[in-house]
Amino acid sequence: MAEASDTMGILYQNLIDAGCSEELIETCMGLAKANQWNRILPLLSKQRIHLLDSVHDGQKQIDCLDFLVYRINKKHS
C-alpha cells in the first residue's frame, strides 16, 4: 500500500482499484510524471462512463431476473 505522501503510488493504486486497464494506467502514470494532470482528467471521465455503463447493464440484468421470478411465482403459486 502506498504511503499517504506518495502521490504516484496513490495514483497507481487508485487506477488499479478503479478497474483501469494496464494501458490506461501506463498512460496516466506517464502523464502524471510529466506533470500533465489536466490530460488525465478526460481519461478518468471515460473510465467512469465505462464503469457506469457496466452498472446499468447489471441493473438491467437484475430487473430481468426480478421479472422472471415474479412471473414464476405468480404462475406457480
N, C-alpha and C. Protein backbone atom coordinates (compact mmCIF):
# COMPACT_ATOMS: atom_id res chain seq x y z
N MET A 1 0.85 -1.18 0.00
CA MET A 1 0.00 0.00 0.00
C MET A 1 0.89 1.23 0.00
N ALA A 2 0.47 2.26 -0.71
CA ALA A 2 1.26 3.48 -0.84
C ALA A 2 1.15 4.34 0.41
N GLU A 3 2.24 5.02 0.72
CA GLU A 3 2.25 5.97 1.83
C GLU A 3 1.40 7.18 1.44
N ALA A 4 0.81 7.84 2.42
CA ALA A 4 -0.06 8.99 2.16
C ALA A 4 0.66 10.09 1.40
N SER A 5 1.97 10.20 1.57
CA SER A 5 2.73 11.25 0.89
C SER A 5 3.24 10.81 -0.48
N ASP A 6 3.00 9.58 -0.86
CA ASP A 6 3.47 9.02 -2.13
C ASP A 6 2.41 9.22 -3.21
N THR A 7 2.42 10.39 -3.83
CA THR A 7 1.39 10.75 -4.81
C THR A 7 1.32 9.75 -5.96
N MET A 8 2.45 9.35 -6.48
CA MET A 8 2.46 8.43 -7.62
C MET A 8 1.97 7.05 -7.20
N GLY A 9 2.35 6.61 -6.01
CA GLY A 9 1.88 5.31 -5.52
C GLY A 9 0.38 5.32 -5.29
N ILE A 10 -0.12 6.42 -4.75
CA ILE A 10 -1.56 6.54 -4.51
C ILE A 10 -2.31 6.55 -5.84
N LEU A 11 -1.79 7.31 -6.81
CA LEU A 11 -2.41 7.35 -8.13
C LEU A 11 -2.45 5.95 -8.73
N TYR A 12 -1.33 5.26 -8.71
CA TYR A 12 -1.25 3.92 -9.29
C TYR A 12 -2.26 2.98 -8.64
N GLN A 13 -2.31 2.97 -7.32
CA GLN A 13 -3.23 2.08 -6.62
C GLN A 13 -4.68 2.43 -6.92
N ASN A 14 -4.99 3.70 -6.98
CA ASN A 14 -6.36 4.12 -7.28
C ASN A 14 -6.77 3.73 -8.70
N LEU A 15 -5.85 3.82 -9.63
CA LEU A 15 -6.16 3.41 -11.00
C LEU A 15 -6.45 1.92 -11.06
N ILE A 16 -5.67 1.13 -10.33
CA ILE A 16 -5.93 -0.31 -10.25
C ILE A 16 -7.29 -0.56 -9.62
N ASP A 17 -7.55 0.10 -8.49
CA ASP A 17 -8.81 -0.09 -7.77
C ASP A 17 -10.02 0.33 -8.61
N ALA A 18 -9.81 1.28 -9.52
CA ALA A 18 -10.89 1.76 -10.37
C ALA A 18 -11.10 0.86 -11.59
N GLY A 19 -10.33 -0.22 -11.68
CA GLY A 19 -10.51 -1.17 -12.77
C GLY A 19 -9.93 -0.71 -14.10
N CYS A 20 -8.98 0.21 -14.06
CA CYS A 20 -8.38 0.70 -15.30
C CYS A 20 -7.51 -0.38 -15.93
N SER A 21 -7.45 -0.35 -17.24
CA SER A 21 -6.60 -1.29 -17.97
C SER A 21 -5.14 -0.93 -17.75
N GLU A 22 -4.26 -1.89 -18.02
CA GLU A 22 -2.82 -1.62 -17.90
C GLU A 22 -2.41 -0.47 -18.81
N GLU A 23 -2.99 -0.43 -20.00
CA GLU A 23 -2.68 0.64 -20.96
C GLU A 23 -3.08 2.00 -20.38
N LEU A 24 -4.27 2.09 -19.81
CA LEU A 24 -4.72 3.35 -19.24
C LEU A 24 -3.85 3.74 -18.04
N ILE A 25 -3.50 2.77 -17.23
CA ILE A 25 -2.65 3.04 -16.07
C ILE A 25 -1.29 3.59 -16.54
N GLU A 26 -0.70 2.95 -17.52
CA GLU A 26 0.60 3.41 -18.03
C GLU A 26 0.49 4.83 -18.59
N THR A 27 -0.58 5.10 -19.32
CA THR A 27 -0.79 6.43 -19.89
C THR A 27 -0.93 7.47 -18.80
N CYS A 28 -1.77 7.19 -17.81
CA CYS A 28 -1.98 8.14 -16.72
C CYS A 28 -0.71 8.36 -15.91
N MET A 29 0.02 7.30 -15.66
CA MET A 29 1.26 7.43 -14.89
C MET A 29 2.28 8.27 -15.66
N GLY A 30 2.36 8.06 -16.95
CA GLY A 30 3.27 8.87 -17.78
C GLY A 30 2.89 10.33 -17.78
N LEU A 31 1.60 10.60 -17.89
CA LEU A 31 1.13 11.99 -17.85
C LEU A 31 1.39 12.62 -16.50
N ALA A 32 1.20 11.86 -15.45
CA ALA A 32 1.44 12.38 -14.10
C ALA A 32 2.92 12.70 -13.91
N LYS A 33 3.78 11.81 -14.38
CA LYS A 33 5.23 12.05 -14.27
C LYS A 33 5.65 13.29 -15.06
N ALA A 34 4.92 13.56 -16.15
CA ALA A 34 5.20 14.75 -16.97
C ALA A 34 4.45 15.97 -16.44
N ASN A 35 3.81 15.82 -15.29
CA ASN A 35 3.04 16.90 -14.66
C ASN A 35 1.94 17.44 -15.57
N GLN A 36 1.30 16.53 -16.30
CA GLN A 36 0.21 16.89 -17.20
C GLN A 36 -1.11 16.36 -16.65
N TRP A 37 -1.40 16.76 -15.43
CA TRP A 37 -2.57 16.27 -14.71
C TRP A 37 -3.87 16.58 -15.43
N ASN A 38 -3.94 17.72 -16.10
CA ASN A 38 -5.17 18.10 -16.80
C ASN A 38 -5.50 17.14 -17.95
N ARG A 39 -4.50 16.45 -18.48
CA ARG A 39 -4.75 15.48 -19.55
C ARG A 39 -5.23 14.13 -19.01
N ILE A 40 -5.07 13.92 -17.71
CA ILE A 40 -5.54 12.68 -17.09
C ILE A 40 -7.05 12.72 -16.88
N LEU A 41 -7.57 13.89 -16.58
CA LEU A 41 -8.99 14.02 -16.23
C LEU A 41 -9.95 13.49 -17.29
N PRO A 42 -9.77 13.80 -18.58
CA PRO A 42 -10.68 13.23 -19.59
C PRO A 42 -10.60 11.70 -19.66
N LEU A 43 -9.41 11.16 -19.42
CA LEU A 43 -9.25 9.71 -19.44
C LEU A 43 -10.01 9.07 -18.28
N LEU A 44 -9.93 9.71 -17.12
CA LEU A 44 -10.67 9.20 -15.96
C LEU A 44 -12.17 9.33 -16.17
N SER A 45 -12.59 10.37 -16.83
CA SER A 45 -14.01 10.55 -17.14
C SER A 45 -14.52 9.43 -18.04
N LYS A 46 -13.71 9.05 -19.03
CA LYS A 46 -14.10 7.94 -19.91
C LYS A 46 -14.20 6.62 -19.13
N GLN A 47 -13.27 6.41 -18.20
CA GLN A 47 -13.31 5.20 -17.38
C GLN A 47 -14.57 5.20 -16.52
N ARG A 48 -14.92 6.36 -15.98
CA ARG A 48 -16.13 6.47 -15.16
C ARG A 48 -17.37 6.12 -15.97
N ILE A 49 -17.43 6.63 -17.19
CA ILE A 49 -18.57 6.33 -18.08
C ILE A 49 -18.63 4.83 -18.36
N HIS A 50 -17.48 4.24 -18.61
CA HIS A 50 -17.41 2.79 -18.86
C HIS A 50 -17.95 2.01 -17.65
N LEU A 51 -17.50 2.39 -16.45
CA LEU A 51 -17.96 1.71 -15.24
C LEU A 51 -19.46 1.91 -15.02
N LEU A 52 -19.94 3.11 -15.28
CA LEU A 52 -21.37 3.39 -15.10
C LEU A 52 -22.21 2.59 -16.09
N ASP A 53 -21.72 2.44 -17.31
CA ASP A 53 -22.41 1.60 -18.29
C ASP A 53 -22.50 0.16 -17.80
N SER A 54 -21.44 -0.32 -17.16
CA SER A 54 -21.45 -1.67 -16.61
C SER A 54 -22.49 -1.80 -15.50
N VAL A 55 -22.59 -0.78 -14.67
CA VAL A 55 -23.59 -0.79 -13.59
C VAL A 55 -24.99 -0.83 -14.20
N HIS A 56 -25.22 -0.02 -15.22
CA HIS A 56 -26.55 0.00 -15.85
C HIS A 56 -26.87 -1.35 -16.49
N ASP A 57 -25.89 -1.96 -17.14
CA ASP A 57 -26.11 -3.28 -17.74
C ASP A 57 -26.45 -4.30 -16.66
N GLY A 58 -25.74 -4.25 -15.55
CA GLY A 58 -26.03 -5.15 -14.44
C GLY A 58 -27.42 -4.92 -13.88
N GLN A 59 -27.83 -3.67 -13.79
CA GLN A 59 -29.17 -3.36 -13.28
C GLN A 59 -30.25 -3.91 -14.20
N LYS A 60 -30.02 -3.81 -15.50
CA LYS A 60 -30.97 -4.38 -16.47
C LYS A 60 -31.09 -5.89 -16.27
N GLN A 61 -29.96 -6.55 -16.05
CA GLN A 61 -29.99 -8.00 -15.83
C GLN A 61 -30.73 -8.34 -14.54
N ILE A 62 -30.51 -7.57 -13.51
CA ILE A 62 -31.24 -7.79 -12.25
C ILE A 62 -32.73 -7.59 -12.46
N ASP A 63 -33.10 -6.56 -13.19
CA ASP A 63 -34.51 -6.31 -13.47
C ASP A 63 -35.14 -7.49 -14.22
N CYS A 64 -34.41 -8.05 -15.18
CA CYS A 64 -34.92 -9.21 -15.92
C CYS A 64 -35.12 -10.40 -15.00
N LEU A 65 -34.16 -10.64 -14.11
CA LEU A 65 -34.30 -11.75 -13.16
C LEU A 65 -35.46 -11.52 -12.21
N ASP A 66 -35.60 -10.31 -11.72
CA ASP A 66 -36.71 -10.00 -10.82
C ASP A 66 -38.05 -10.24 -11.50
N PHE A 67 -38.15 -9.84 -12.78
CA PHE A 67 -39.39 -10.05 -13.52
C PHE A 67 -39.65 -11.54 -13.71
N LEU A 68 -38.61 -12.30 -14.03
CA LEU A 68 -38.76 -13.73 -14.22
C LEU A 68 -39.23 -14.40 -12.93
N VAL A 69 -38.61 -14.04 -11.81
CA VAL A 69 -39.02 -14.59 -10.51
C VAL A 69 -40.47 -14.22 -10.22
N TYR A 70 -40.84 -12.99 -10.49
CA TYR A 70 -42.22 -12.54 -10.28
C TYR A 70 -43.20 -13.38 -11.11
N ARG A 71 -42.88 -13.57 -12.38
CA ARG A 71 -43.77 -14.33 -13.27
C ARG A 71 -43.90 -15.79 -12.82
N ILE A 72 -42.78 -16.39 -12.43
CA ILE A 72 -42.82 -17.78 -11.98
C ILE A 72 -43.63 -17.90 -10.71
N ASN A 73 -43.39 -17.01 -9.78
CA ASN A 73 -44.16 -17.02 -8.52
C ASN A 73 -45.65 -16.81 -8.78
N LYS A 74 -46.00 -15.92 -9.66
CA LYS A 74 -47.39 -15.63 -9.96
C LYS A 74 -48.07 -16.82 -10.63
N LYS A 75 -47.36 -17.46 -11.55
CA LYS A 75 -47.95 -18.56 -12.32
C LYS A 75 -48.00 -19.87 -11.51
N HIS A 76 -47.07 -20.07 -10.60
CA HIS A 76 -46.96 -21.36 -9.92
C HIS A 76 -47.23 -21.29 -8.43
N SER A 77 -47.91 -20.26 -8.01
CA SER A 77 -48.24 -20.15 -6.59
C SER A 77 -49.71 -20.35 -6.35
